[in-house]
Amino acid sequence: MARVLIVDDSQADLKFLEAALLPGRHTVTAVSDPAEVEAAALRERPELVMIDVVMPGRSGYDVARALKRLPELADLKVIFVSSKGNDSDVKWGLRQGAVDYVVKPYTPEQVLGIVSRHVS
């Protein structure tokens, strides 16, 4: 059971991810505005953050880099979630410091399995 922050501009995707994580008894905080992520992460102190890559105003890559610059969150595990799934997209996401990269569409079982692999 872990504290997980999910970041996506799509309410449907946020609800899907939250529902997928509930069987694992994870505590989930959802943020739809990428400008609010740092404040939410500092407040909630998640062990892992799942970030959509394509969002208006600020990409998931920008969000992840901003989180990692905060000393309190430097060890935060990042998983990118995106419909952009070619090899170069995945490699770029991992080069940005992500521990994993999930390509949409995904199943609840895939999401729960990936999160469970990265949290204790």
C-alpha atoms as a PDB file:
ATOM      1  CA  MET A   1       0.000   0.000   0.000  1.00  0.00           C
ATOM      2  CA  ALA A   2       1.486   3.321  -1.104  1.00  0.00           C
ATOM      3  CA  ARG A   3       0.660   6.995  -1.526  1.00  0.00           C
ATOM      4  CA  VAL A   4       0.275   7.647  -5.250  1.00  0.00           C
ATOM      5  CA  LEU A   5      -0.227  10.997  -6.989  1.00  0.00           C
ATOM      6  CA  ILE A   6      -1.811  10.823 -10.441  1.00  0.00           C
ATOM      7  CA  VAL A   7      -1.616  13.749 -12.859  1.00  0.00           C
ATOM      8  CA  ASP A   8      -3.726  13.934 -16.012  1.00  0.00           C
ATOM      9  CA  ASP A   9      -5.781  16.668 -17.666  1.00  0.00           C
ATOM     10  CA  SER A  10      -8.478  14.084 -18.512  1.00  0.00           C
ATOM     11  CA  GLN A  11     -11.002  13.484 -15.732  1.00  0.00           C
ATOM     12  CA  ALA A  12     -11.885  10.119 -17.308  1.00  0.00           C
ATOM     13  CA  ASP A  13      -8.247   8.997 -17.171  1.00  0.00           C
ATOM     14  CA  LEU A  14      -7.895  10.189 -13.581  1.00  0.00           C
ATOM     15  CA  LYS A  15     -10.971   8.213 -12.544  1.00  0.00           C
ATOM     16  CA  PHE A  16      -9.767   5.131 -14.442  1.00  0.00           C
ATOM     17  CA  LEU A  17      -6.331   5.227 -12.790  1.00  0.00           C
ATOM     18  CA  GLU A  18      -7.812   5.828  -9.366  1.00  0.00           C
ATOM     19  CA  ALA A  19     -10.207   2.897  -9.758  1.00  0.00           C
ATOM     20  CA  ALA A  20      -7.364   0.695 -11.014  1.00  0.00           C
ATOM     21  CA  LEU A  21      -5.286   1.450  -7.903  1.00  0.00           C
ATOM     22  CA  LEU A  22      -8.032   0.928  -5.310  1.00  0.00           C
ATOM     23  CA  PRO A  23      -7.732  -2.899  -5.205  1.00  0.00           C
ATOM     24  CA  GLY A  24      -4.102  -2.417  -4.157  1.00  0.00           C
ATOM     25  CA  ARG A  25      -5.365  -0.302  -1.251  1.00  0.00           C
ATOM     26  CA  HIS A  26      -3.189   2.582  -2.365  1.00  0.00           C
ATOM     27  CA  THR A  27      -3.955   6.104  -1.195  1.00  0.00           C
ATOM     28  CA  VAL A  28      -4.548   8.108  -4.356  1.00  0.00           C
ATOM     29  CA  THR A  29      -4.522  11.858  -4.904  1.00  0.00           C
ATOM     30  CA  ALA A  30      -5.603  13.102  -8.330  1.00  0.00           C
ATOM     31  CA  VAL A  31      -4.501  16.393  -9.898  1.00  0.00           C
ATOM     32  CA  SER A  32      -5.870  17.621 -13.227  1.00  0.00           C
ATOM     33  CA  ASP A  33      -3.921  20.891 -13.471  1.00  0.00           C
ATOM     34  CA  PRO A  34      -0.190  20.406 -14.086  1.00  0.00           C
ATOM     35  CA  ALA A  35       0.481  23.790 -12.462  1.00  0.00           C
ATOM     36  CA  GLU A  36      -0.697  22.373  -9.107  1.00  0.00           C
ATOM     37  CA  VAL A  37       1.476  19.270  -9.008  1.00  0.00           C
ATOM     38  CA  GLU A  38       4.392  20.526  -6.920  1.00  0.00           C
ATOM     39  CA  ALA A  39       2.097  21.867  -4.197  1.00  0.00           C
ATOM     40  CA  ALA A  40       0.095  18.630  -4.140  1.00  0.00           C
ATOM     41  CA  ALA A  41       3.250  16.514  -4.014  1.00  0.00           C
ATOM     42  CA  LEU A  42       4.739  18.547  -1.165  1.00  0.00           C
ATOM     43  CA  ARG A  43       1.455  18.338   0.730  1.00  0.00           C
ATOM     44  CA  GLU A  44       0.737  14.633   0.124  1.00  0.00           C
ATOM     45  CA  ARG A  45       4.317  13.283   0.036  1.00  0.00           C
ATOM     46  CA  PRO A  46       3.584  10.451  -2.404  1.00  0.00           C
ATOM     47  CA  GLU A  47       5.935   7.527  -2.920  1.00  0.00           C
ATOM     48  CA  LEU A  48       5.125   7.480  -6.615  1.00  0.00           C
ATOM     49  CA  VAL A  49       3.622   9.833  -9.190  1.00  0.00           C
ATOM     50  CA  MET A  50       1.948   8.797 -12.443  1.00  0.00           C
ATOM     51  CA  ILE A  51       2.055  11.648 -14.964  1.00  0.00           C
ATOM     52  CA  ASP A  52       0.372  12.005 -18.330  1.00  0.00           C
ATOM     53  CA  VAL A  53       2.882  13.184 -20.908  1.00  0.00           C
ATOM     54  CA  VAL A  54       0.636  15.358 -23.106  1.00  0.00           C
ATOM     55  CA  MET A  55      -1.140  18.087 -21.140  1.00  0.00           C
ATOM     56  CA  PRO A  56      -2.020  21.688 -21.995  1.00  0.00           C
ATOM     57  CA  GLY A  57       0.417  24.336 -20.857  1.00  0.00           C
ATOM     58  CA  ARG A  58       2.982  21.999 -19.351  1.00  0.00           C
ATOM     59  CA  SER A  59       4.135  18.575 -20.463  1.00  0.00           C
ATOM     60  CA  GLY A  60       4.509  15.650 -18.130  1.00  0.00           C
ATOM     61  CA  TYR A  61       8.245  15.793 -18.755  1.00  0.00           C
ATOM     62  CA  ASP A  62       8.308  19.385 -17.477  1.00  0.00           C
ATOM     63  CA  VAL A  63       6.288  18.360 -14.426  1.00  0.00           C
ATOM     64  CA  ALA A  64       8.635  15.471 -13.631  1.00  0.00           C
ATOM     65  CA  ARG A  65      11.758  17.633 -13.948  1.00  0.00           C
ATOM     66  CA  ALA A  66      10.205  20.284 -11.682  1.00  0.00           C
ATOM     67  CA  LEU A  67       9.363  17.675  -9.053  1.00  0.00           C
ATOM     68  CA  LYS A  68      12.871  16.207  -9.131  1.00  0.00           C
ATOM     69  CA  ARG A  69      14.400  19.684  -8.612  1.00  0.00           C
ATOM     70  CA  LEU A  70      12.703  19.937  -5.214  1.00  0.00           C
ATOM     71  CA  PRO A  71      15.044  18.477  -2.581  1.00  0.00           C
ATOM     72  CA  GLU A  72      12.113  17.010  -0.639  1.00  0.00           C
ATOM     73  CA  LEU A  73      10.991  15.085  -3.732  1.00  0.00           C
ATOM     74  CA  ALA A  74      14.304  14.195  -5.354  1.00  0.00           C
ATOM     75  CA  ASP A  75      13.732  10.463  -4.688  1.00  0.00           C
ATOM     76  CA  LEU A  76      10.127  10.469  -5.906  1.00  0.00           C
ATOM     77  CA  LYS A  77       9.448   7.651  -8.370  1.00  0.00           C
ATOM     78  CA  VAL A  78       7.860   8.784 -11.635  1.00  0.00           C
ATOM     79  CA  ILE A  79       5.841   6.689 -14.074  1.00  0.00           C
ATOM     80  CA  PHE A  80       4.801   8.343 -17.317  1.00  0.00           C
ATOM     81  CA  VAL A  81       1.410   7.468 -18.755  1.00  0.00           C
ATOM     82  CA  SER A  82       0.832   8.325 -22.398  1.00  0.00           C
ATOM     83  CA  SER A  83      -0.753   7.452 -25.702  1.00  0.00           C
ATOM     84  CA  LYS A  84       2.653   8.285 -27.223  1.00  0.00           C
ATOM     85  CA  GLY A  85       4.146   4.829 -27.232  1.00  0.00           C
ATOM     86  CA  ASN A  86       6.798   4.467 -29.900  1.00  0.00           C
ATOM     87  CA  ASP A  87      10.286   3.423 -28.830  1.00  0.00           C
ATOM     88  CA  SER A  88      11.705   6.956 -28.931  1.00  0.00           C
ATOM     89  CA  ASP A  89       8.884   8.256 -26.691  1.00  0.00           C
ATOM     90  CA  VAL A  90       9.470   5.531 -24.115  1.00  0.00           C
ATOM     91  CA  LYS A  91      13.256   5.985 -24.192  1.00  0.00           C
ATOM     92  CA  TRP A  92      12.893   9.756 -23.793  1.00  0.00           C
ATOM     93  CA  GLY A  93      10.552   9.299 -20.834  1.00  0.00           C
ATOM     94  CA  LEU A  94      12.986   6.973 -19.115  1.00  0.00           C
ATOM     95  CA  ARG A  95      15.833   9.421 -19.813  1.00  0.00           C
ATOM     96  CA  GLN A  96      13.775  12.060 -17.993  1.00  0.00           C
ATOM     97  CA  GLY A  97      14.116   9.983 -14.821  1.00  0.00           C
ATOM     98  CA  ALA A  98      11.012   7.809 -14.951  1.00  0.00           C
ATOM     99  CA  VAL A  99      11.124   4.319 -13.466  1.00  0.00           C
ATOM    100  CA  ASP A 100       8.517   3.122 -15.966  1.00  0.00           C
ATOM    101  CA  TYR A 101       6.366   4.192 -18.904  1.00  0.00           C
ATOM    102  CA  VAL A 102       2.780   2.988 -19.465  1.00  0.00           C
ATOM    103  CA  VAL A 103       1.218   3.239 -22.907  1.00  0.00           C
ATOM    104  CA  LYS A 104      -2.504   3.937 -23.280  1.00  0.00           C
ATOM    105  CA  PRO A 105      -4.765   2.064 -23.581  1.00  0.00           C
ATOM    106  CA  TYR A 106      -3.952  -0.055 -20.548  1.00  0.00           C
ATOM    107  CA  THR A 107      -5.898  -2.364 -18.298  1.00  0.00           C
ATOM    108  CA  PRO A 108      -6.478  -1.896 -14.577  1.00  0.00           C
ATOM    109  CA  GLU A 109      -4.395  -5.025 -13.984  1.00  0.00           C
ATOM    110  CA  GLN A 110      -1.449  -3.551 -15.911  1.00  0.00           C
ATOM    111  CA  VAL A 111      -1.606  -0.329 -13.902  1.00  0.00           C
ATOM    112  CA  LEU A 112      -1.815  -2.128 -10.567  1.00  0.00           C
ATOM    113  CA  GLY A 113       1.021  -4.477 -11.516  1.00  0.00           C
ATOM    114  CA  ILE A 114       3.327  -1.675 -12.623  1.00  0.00           C
ATOM    115  CA  VAL A 115       2.684   0.375  -9.499  1.00  0.00           C
ATOM    116  CA  SER A 116       3.125  -2.663  -7.262  1.00  0.00           C
ATOM    117  CA  ARG A 117       6.535  -3.345  -8.843  1.00  0.00           C
ATOM    118  CA  HIS A 118       7.799   0.098  -7.884  1.00  0.00           C
ATOM    119  CA  VAL A 119       6.477   0.556  -4.349  1.00  0.00           C
ATOM    120  CA  SER A 120       7.118  -1.467  -1.259  1.00  0.00           C
END
